[in-house]
Amino acid sequence: MILPPYLKKGDTIGLVCPAGFMAPEKWQTCAQKLQDWGFQVQLGATMNSSSATYFSGTDEERLKDLQGMLDDEKIKAIVCGRGGYGMGRIIDQLDFKKFLRSPKWIAGFSDITVLLAHLNRVYKVASLHAPMAAAFNDGGDENKYVQSLRVALLGKKALYSTPPHSFNRLGSAIGRLVGGNLSLVAHLIGTPSSYKTKGRILFLEDVGEQLYNIDRMFHQLKRSGMLDGLAGLVLGGFTQNKDTDRPFGQTVEEILRYVLKDADYPVCYGFPVSHEKENFALKVGAKFRLKISLDEVLLEETD
């Protein structure tokens, strides 16, 4: 697994929207704060898109913008402005030849899971599942979750501690960390970008889903074998859930516990990785130690 070089003050970070549209007022604080952290910022064309559609530009425009960031050796990291939808429409057209000669950290989550998974599975390059531009707004840059992006880019190893959950399955595990948005991880099954999960610590989160669809996607993961042979499982936030007029009958935690009732590896619930403020930066592809006890959950990056 290739871990790109960490950043130092004065390095350039590219800011790009390879999927959904983002209005400038939503990302301007992020650009300013990245500079306050000591980095230079290079804006992609998609950050000032005039698109009238859901996307930040046509497939061709978004492809060209992201490709330029991947190829530019002056850019030492890429932070995605937002996710939404669109990465899957261009992932197979991206050329990673120059990127592999000079790999860089790519940070994002949600729809950007497609890119993170592709880097992991096809090219064995680590990346960052981490807060994006909107998280910097309204003083968000000062919270520990956005700050975790800064320290990750600078090379500090992650060490996160969270309270216990009554559904947790106790135990310890060591393995490379993979995962991201549940919907995207499930939709990538059958593609070249789908994660290899055996022996890995898998983390998952999602937002705005019907409860029955969360149940369906987890059963899809189970039937595909992606939940077999894990070193451990980290369940993040499944927020803003919806229910049908006739109730599904289980909370999201109860859904997950039912699907995982036969799991023989450590499982933690409620880890702070999500579409909400609680979203720690996680190095996808790096080696982590997961320890789940009665008192706390520890997720620690190792050598």
Protein backbone atom coordinates (compact mmCIF):
# COMPACT_ATOMS: atom_id res chain seq x y z
CA MET A 1 0.00 0.00 0.00
CA ILE A 2 1.41 3.39 -1.05
CA LEU A 3 1.02 6.21 1.46
CA PRO A 4 1.54 9.52 -0.37
CA PRO A 5 4.02 12.04 1.09
CA TYR A 6 2.64 14.17 3.89
CA LEU A 7 2.37 17.91 3.46
CA LYS A 8 4.46 20.73 4.87
CA LYS A 9 3.66 24.40 5.26
CA GLY A 10 3.65 26.18 1.90
CA ASP A 11 2.52 23.14 -0.08
CA THR A 12 -0.37 23.53 -2.52
CA ILE A 13 -3.76 21.91 -2.00
CA GLY A 14 -6.12 21.63 -4.94
CA LEU A 15 -9.80 22.28 -4.26
CA VAL A 16 -12.12 20.59 -6.76
CA CYS A 17 -15.75 19.46 -7.18
CA PRO A 18 -15.74 16.26 -9.29
CA ALA A 19 -19.39 15.43 -8.59
CA GLY A 20 -22.21 17.68 -7.36
CA PHE A 21 -22.41 21.47 -7.75
CA MET A 22 -21.28 23.68 -4.89
CA ALA A 23 -22.04 27.40 -4.66
CA PRO A 24 -18.94 29.57 -4.02
CA GLU A 25 -20.28 30.88 -0.72
CA LYS A 26 -20.25 27.29 0.54
CA TRP A 27 -16.54 26.70 -0.08
CA GLN A 28 -14.92 30.12 0.37
CA THR A 29 -14.35 29.65 4.09
CA CYS A 30 -12.60 26.35 3.42
CA ALA A 31 -10.25 27.95 0.90
CA GLN A 32 -9.39 30.72 3.35
CA LYS A 33 -8.84 28.37 6.29
CA LEU A 34 -6.58 26.08 4.28
CA GLN A 35 -4.46 29.16 3.63
CA ASP A 36 -4.60 30.06 7.32
CA TRP A 37 -3.25 26.57 8.03
CA GLY A 38 -0.20 27.53 5.95
CA PHE A 39 -1.06 25.95 2.60
CA GLN A 40 -1.44 27.43 -0.84
CA VAL A 41 -4.79 26.77 -2.52
CA GLN A 42 -5.40 26.15 -6.21
CA LEU A 43 -9.04 26.23 -7.26
CA GLY A 44 -10.35 23.92 -9.92
CA ALA A 45 -12.66 25.24 -12.60
CA THR A 46 -15.52 23.24 -11.08
CA MET A 47 -15.35 25.38 -7.93
CA ASN A 48 -16.72 28.32 -9.92
CA SER A 49 -19.02 26.37 -12.18
CA SER A 50 -21.89 28.08 -14.01
CA SER A 51 -23.67 24.73 -14.40
CA ALA A 52 -27.45 24.86 -14.15
CA THR A 53 -27.68 21.13 -13.48
CA TYR A 54 -27.11 19.00 -10.39
CA PHE A 55 -23.47 18.51 -11.37
CA SER A 56 -20.57 20.95 -11.10
CA GLY A 57 -20.13 20.65 -14.86
CA THR A 58 -20.54 18.17 -17.66
CA ASP A 59 -18.83 14.81 -17.32
CA GLU A 60 -16.12 16.11 -19.65
CA GLU A 61 -15.59 19.29 -17.61
CA ARG A 62 -15.43 17.47 -14.31
CA LEU A 63 -13.09 14.84 -15.76
CA LYS A 64 -10.75 17.49 -17.17
CA ASP A 65 -10.67 19.41 -13.90
CA LEU A 66 -9.90 16.41 -11.71
CA GLN A 67 -7.42 15.01 -14.24
CA GLY A 68 -5.51 18.28 -14.19
CA MET A 69 -5.28 18.14 -10.41
CA LEU A 70 -4.08 14.52 -10.50
CA ASP A 71 -1.40 15.34 -13.08
CA ASP A 72 -0.09 18.60 -11.57
CA GLU A 73 3.04 17.78 -9.55
CA LYS A 74 2.88 21.17 -7.78
CA ILE A 75 -0.36 20.07 -6.12
CA LYS A 76 0.50 17.94 -3.08
CA ALA A 77 -3.06 17.08 -1.99
CA ILE A 78 -6.60 17.33 -3.35
CA VAL A 79 -9.56 18.21 -1.14
CA CYS A 80 -12.97 17.67 -2.72
CA GLY A 81 -15.51 20.42 -2.20
CA ARG A 82 -18.48 18.09 -1.88
CA GLY A 83 -19.84 14.71 -2.90
CA GLY A 84 -23.44 14.30 -3.98
CA TYR A 85 -23.35 12.20 -7.12
CA GLY A 86 -21.22 12.01 -10.24
CA MET A 87 -17.89 10.35 -9.47
CA GLY A 88 -19.02 7.01 -10.86
CA ARG A 89 -19.74 8.63 -14.24
CA ILE A 90 -16.09 9.59 -14.78
CA ILE A 91 -13.98 7.16 -12.70
CA ASP A 92 -13.15 4.85 -15.61
CA GLN A 93 -11.97 7.73 -17.82
CA LEU A 94 -9.38 9.01 -15.34
CA ASP A 95 -5.71 8.38 -16.18
CA PHE A 96 -3.56 7.71 -13.11
CA LYS A 97 -0.17 7.28 -14.83
CA LYS A 98 1.25 10.66 -13.76
CA PHE A 99 -0.46 10.45 -10.38
CA LEU A 100 1.25 7.13 -9.64
CA ARG A 101 4.65 8.67 -10.39
CA SER A 102 3.90 11.39 -7.84
CA PRO A 103 1.02 10.24 -5.62
CA LYS A 104 -0.82 12.72 -3.42
CA TRP A 105 -3.46 12.61 -0.72
CA ILE A 106 -7.04 12.85 -1.94
CA ALA A 107 -9.61 13.77 0.71
CA GLY A 108 -13.39 13.52 0.65
CA PHE A 109 -16.31 11.29 1.55
CA SER A 110 -19.87 10.48 0.47
CA ASP A 111 -19.84 10.09 -3.34
CA ILE A 112 -16.04 10.50 -3.24
CA THR A 113 -16.02 6.98 -1.74
CA VAL A 114 -15.95 5.82 -5.38
CA LEU A 115 -12.58 7.49 -5.92
CA LEU A 116 -11.15 6.37 -2.57
CA ALA A 117 -12.18 2.76 -3.21
CA HIS A 118 -10.79 2.85 -6.76
CA LEU A 119 -7.42 4.15 -5.51
CA ASN A 120 -7.35 1.43 -2.86
CA ARG A 121 -8.38 -1.56 -4.93
CA VAL A 122 -6.89 -0.81 -8.35
CA TYR A 123 -3.76 1.21 -7.49
CA LYS A 124 -3.11 0.40 -3.80
CA VAL A 125 -2.78 4.08 -2.92
CA ALA A 126 -4.00 5.36 0.44
CA SER A 127 -6.41 8.28 0.68
CA LEU A 128 -8.41 10.26 3.23
CA HIS A 129 -12.06 9.77 4.09
CA ALA A 130 -12.41 13.19 5.65
CA PRO A 131 -14.43 16.41 6.02
CA MET A 132 -14.97 18.47 2.87
CA ALA A 133 -15.47 22.19 2.25
CA ALA A 134 -18.87 22.74 3.89
CA ALA A 135 -17.57 21.40 7.21
CA PHE A 136 -15.41 24.53 7.57
CA ASN A 137 -18.41 26.87 7.70
CA ASP A 138 -19.83 28.50 10.84
CA GLY A 139 -16.65 28.00 12.83
CA GLY A 140 -16.44 24.32 11.94
CA ASP A 141 -12.74 24.62 11.16
CA GLU A 142 -12.08 24.86 14.89
CA ASN A 143 -13.70 21.57 15.87
CA LYS A 144 -11.68 18.40 16.33
CA TYR A 145 -13.20 16.70 13.29
CA VAL A 146 -12.09 19.30 10.74
CA GLN A 147 -8.81 19.66 12.60
CA SER A 148 -8.28 15.93 12.15
CA LEU A 149 -7.99 16.59 8.40
CA ARG A 150 -5.19 19.08 9.02
CA VAL A 151 -3.19 16.79 11.28
CA ALA A 152 -3.71 13.84 8.92
CA LEU A 153 -2.36 15.84 5.98
CA LEU A 154 0.67 16.79 8.08
CA GLY A 155 1.37 13.14 8.90
CA LYS A 156 0.23 12.71 12.48
CA LYS A 157 -1.05 9.22 13.19
CA ALA A 158 -4.71 9.00 14.14
CA LEU A 159 -5.79 7.97 17.63
CA TYR A 160 -9.52 8.19 18.28
CA SER A 161 -11.39 7.23 21.44
CA THR A 162 -15.18 7.02 21.62
CA PRO A 163 -17.69 5.94 24.27
CA PRO A 164 -19.01 2.37 24.35
CA HIS A 165 -22.33 1.28 22.84
CA SER A 166 -24.53 -1.43 24.33
CA PHE A 167 -24.59 -3.32 21.00
CA ASN A 168 -20.78 -3.42 20.63
CA ARG A 169 -19.10 -6.77 20.10
CA LEU A 170 -15.94 -6.67 22.22
CA GLY A 171 -12.50 -7.58 20.99
CA SER A 172 -9.35 -6.36 19.25
CA ALA A 173 -8.23 -6.37 15.64
CA ILE A 174 -5.41 -5.12 13.44
CA GLY A 175 -5.83 -4.59 9.71
CA ARG A 176 -5.86 -2.11 6.89
CA LEU A 177 -8.81 0.26 7.06
CA VAL A 178 -11.26 0.42 4.14
CA GLY A 179 -14.77 1.74 3.72
CA GLY A 180 -16.88 4.85 3.35
CA ASN A 181 -20.46 5.52 2.38
CA LEU A 182 -22.65 2.41 2.62
CA SER A 183 -24.61 3.19 -0.56
CA LEU A 184 -21.46 3.55 -2.63
CA VAL A 185 -19.70 0.53 -1.11
CA ALA A 186 -22.78 -1.56 -1.96
CA HIS A 187 -23.13 -0.12 -5.48
CA LEU A 188 -19.45 -0.79 -6.24
CA ILE A 189 -19.92 -4.53 -5.81
CA GLY A 190 -19.19 -6.21 -9.14
CA THR A 191 -16.95 -3.37 -10.38
CA PRO A 192 -13.13 -3.21 -10.45
CA SER A 193 -13.30 -0.56 -7.70
CA SER A 194 -15.04 -2.75 -5.11
CA TYR A 195 -13.06 -3.06 -1.88
CA LYS A 196 -11.35 -6.26 -0.91
CA THR A 197 -12.49 -6.65 2.71
CA LYS A 198 -11.15 -9.98 3.98
CA GLY A 199 -8.72 -9.31 6.82
CA ARG A 200 -9.56 -5.60 6.75
CA ILE A 201 -11.21 -3.28 9.23
CA LEU A 202 -14.30 -2.02 7.41
CA PHE A 203 -16.04 1.25 8.29
CA LEU A 204 -19.44 2.37 6.98
CA GLU A 205 -21.78 5.36 7.31
CA ASP A 206 -24.74 6.86 5.44
CA VAL A 207 -27.33 9.62 5.43
CA GLY A 208 -30.95 10.16 4.43
CA GLU A 209 -31.78 6.53 3.65
CA GLN A 210 -35.01 4.65 4.15
CA LEU A 211 -34.61 2.12 6.96
CA TYR A 212 -35.57 -0.73 4.65
CA ASN A 213 -32.87 0.35 2.20
CA ILE A 214 -30.20 0.25 4.91
CA ASP A 215 -31.41 -3.27 5.68
CA ARG A 216 -31.29 -4.17 1.97
CA MET A 217 -27.79 -2.79 1.45
CA PHE A 218 -26.38 -4.60 4.47
CA HIS A 219 -27.93 -7.85 3.28
CA GLN A 220 -26.33 -7.17 -0.12
CA LEU A 221 -22.94 -6.78 1.56
CA LYS A 222 -23.54 -9.99 3.49
CA ARG A 223 -24.67 -12.00 0.45
CA SER A 224 -21.72 -10.75 -1.60
CA GLY A 225 -19.25 -11.98 1.04
CA MET A 226 -18.00 -8.50 1.95
CA LEU A 227 -18.86 -9.05 5.62
CA ASP A 228 -17.06 -12.42 5.76
CA GLY A 229 -13.60 -12.66 7.27
CA LEU A 230 -13.35 -9.06 8.42
CA ALA A 231 -10.76 -8.18 11.03
CA GLY A 232 -13.28 -5.77 12.52
CA LEU A 233 -16.24 -3.55 11.65
CA VAL A 234 -16.68 0.12 12.53
CA LEU A 235 -20.25 1.40 12.15
CA GLY A 236 -20.49 5.17 11.96
CA GLY A 237 -23.44 7.50 11.83
CA PHE A 238 -26.55 6.49 9.90
CA THR A 239 -28.35 9.80 10.16
CA GLN A 240 -31.49 11.54 8.91
CA ASN A 241 -33.12 8.18 8.33
CA LYS A 242 -36.58 7.86 6.85
CA ASP A 243 -39.33 5.36 7.45
CA THR A 244 -42.28 4.18 5.42
CA ASP A 245 -45.91 4.90 6.34
CA ARG A 246 -46.10 1.36 7.65
CA PRO A 247 -43.09 1.33 10.00
CA PHE A 248 -40.14 -0.94 9.27
CA GLY A 249 -40.19 -1.99 12.90
CA GLN A 250 -36.52 -1.66 13.85
CA THR A 251 -34.15 1.18 14.59
CA VAL A 252 -31.08 1.40 12.38
CA GLU A 253 -28.94 -0.05 15.18
CA GLU A 254 -31.34 -2.98 15.52
CA ILE A 255 -31.19 -3.55 11.76
CA LEU A 256 -27.41 -3.70 11.85
CA ARG A 257 -27.31 -5.95 14.90
CA TYR A 258 -29.69 -8.39 13.23
CA VAL A 259 -27.67 -8.60 10.01
CA LEU A 260 -24.46 -9.01 12.02
CA LYS A 261 -25.79 -11.51 14.57
CA ASP A 262 -23.44 -14.25 13.35
CA ALA A 263 -20.34 -12.04 13.06
CA ASP A 264 -17.31 -13.43 14.87
CA TYR A 265 -15.20 -10.25 14.82
CA PRO A 266 -15.25 -7.02 16.86
CA VAL A 267 -18.01 -4.57 15.91
CA CYS A 268 -18.51 -1.05 17.22
CA TYR A 269 -21.58 1.16 16.81
CA GLY A 270 -21.83 4.93 16.70
CA PHE A 271 -18.24 5.75 15.74
CA PRO A 272 -17.88 9.44 14.77
CA VAL A 273 -17.63 9.08 11.01
CA SER A 274 -20.73 10.42 9.29
CA HIS A 275 -22.37 13.08 7.13
CA GLU A 276 -22.79 15.23 10.22
CA LYS A 277 -20.24 17.31 12.15
CA GLU A 278 -18.92 14.12 13.79
CA ASN A 279 -16.61 12.96 11.01
CA PHE A 280 -13.02 12.13 11.88
CA ALA A 281 -10.45 11.90 9.08
CA LEU A 282 -9.59 8.25 8.39
CA LYS A 283 -6.70 7.08 6.22
CA VAL A 284 -8.16 4.53 3.84
CA GLY A 285 -5.56 1.82 3.24
CA ALA A 286 -3.46 2.57 6.33
CA LYS A 287 -3.03 -0.04 9.06
CA PHE A 288 -5.11 0.46 12.20
CA ARG A 289 -5.67 -1.24 15.53
CA LEU A 290 -9.27 -1.47 16.74
CA LYS A 291 -9.88 -2.20 20.42
CA ILE A 292 -13.44 -2.46 21.70
CA SER A 293 -13.83 -2.80 25.47
CA LEU A 294 -16.60 -2.23 27.99
CA ASP A 295 -15.19 1.24 28.69
CA GLU A 296 -14.37 2.68 25.28
CA VAL A 297 -13.58 2.13 21.62
CA LEU A 298 -10.05 2.89 20.42
CA LEU A 299 -9.10 3.21 16.77
CA GLU A 300 -5.37 3.79 16.41
CA GLU A 301 -3.23 4.10 13.30
CA THR A 302 -0.18 1.85 13.49
CA ASP A 303 3.04 1.54 11.48
